[in-house]
Amino acid sequence: MKLNALSRRVLLGLALFAAASGASAQAYPDRPITMIVPWGAGGGTDAVARIIASLMEKDLGQPVNVVNRTGGSGVVGHSAIATAPADGFTIGMITVEITMMHHQKLTELNGTSYTPIALVNLDPAGFQVRADSSYKNMNDVLAAIKANPGKFKASGTGQGGIWHLALAGWLRDAKVDPASVPWVPSNGAAPGLQDLVASGVEFVPCSLPEARSLIDAGKVRSLAVMATTRSTLFPAVPTLKESTGSDWATGAWRGIAAPKGLPPAIAARLESSVKKAYDSKEYKDFMAQRGFGMLWGSSGEFASFMAKGDADMKAVMTAVGIAK
């Protein structure tokens, strides 16, 4: 088959583009990378992002600069990650809220709005009561809620936040109306736990690392963890399934992602770098010291993980009437 001059020029152009793309991917990164964090400096997400960034710097040979872009209950930072150029020089740490925000019409973004790189952390919801509470296990709690709908209150995050949905999801799974336990909004787990200690609420579903200091101080007890395996931080605390037979499991998670459309070679290089950081002694020690849970998910596994989480959150948010 003979090619005319135009066809030859087109094929030559495509070949040159492919060669240039390959060379670019091989040279990547040739300048600093920005890692956007949708939450404030000093918080758990910021801390995890900064240890990952510092370890990636060593592997990639370029600075990985963490930038906090807060506001809009996480919308501002997540949007900044999604709308950045898909060239590998802007990445970010996305969080569980990306499976929740769009169901409330806060944004159109969801897990498919990104190139997932890797899942690096999961902190399952624990279920906390006061240390002097008469509840011995989760079956005691469930029986009390069924017998006294509306009597007991819970707190630990804002209305529709992950810990609110953790409780609502468990109640829904147990065939109990999630509204049976009124939710008292708070600016995070810490004020919710203080309210628990002060007898302002009866229950606080939040991660075990968040409750750790009060558990260690003997002021709070954790009755269960909403996970498939027990926590290494408090191995004596049973899983929800061990306690009640419920398969409901959820928690706050964090992962690295890039804008949608990232070239596969660059995505693979980033995933390799994040995996090296995740497997390092420095990262393991850092997470263990703070009680953060470790959970690895490759790019494909991370995408599937987000899809399942999105479906779970939609079902629970619909059940509690906050999905729009």
Foldseek 3Di string as FASTA:
>chain_A
DDDDPVRVVVVVVVVVVVVVVVVLLVCPPPEAAEAEEADDPPDPSNVLVVLLQVLLCVVRVYHYHYDYQYDLPSPRRVVCQQPDDLALRYKYKDKLCLLQCVLLVSDVGHLLQWQFQKWWFWFFKWKKFWLPDPDPAVVVVVVVLVVQFPPFEAEFAAVLDPFLLLQLLVCVLVVHQSNSHHYDHDHGRVVRVVCRLVVVGGMYIAGCLSCVVCVVVSTMDTRETQDPAAAPLDNVRYHPCVGPVGNGIHGMTIGMTGHPPRPPSSSVVSSVSSVVSSPDPVSVVVCVVSSTGTDIDGSVRVSVVRVVSSVSSSVSCVSVVSGD
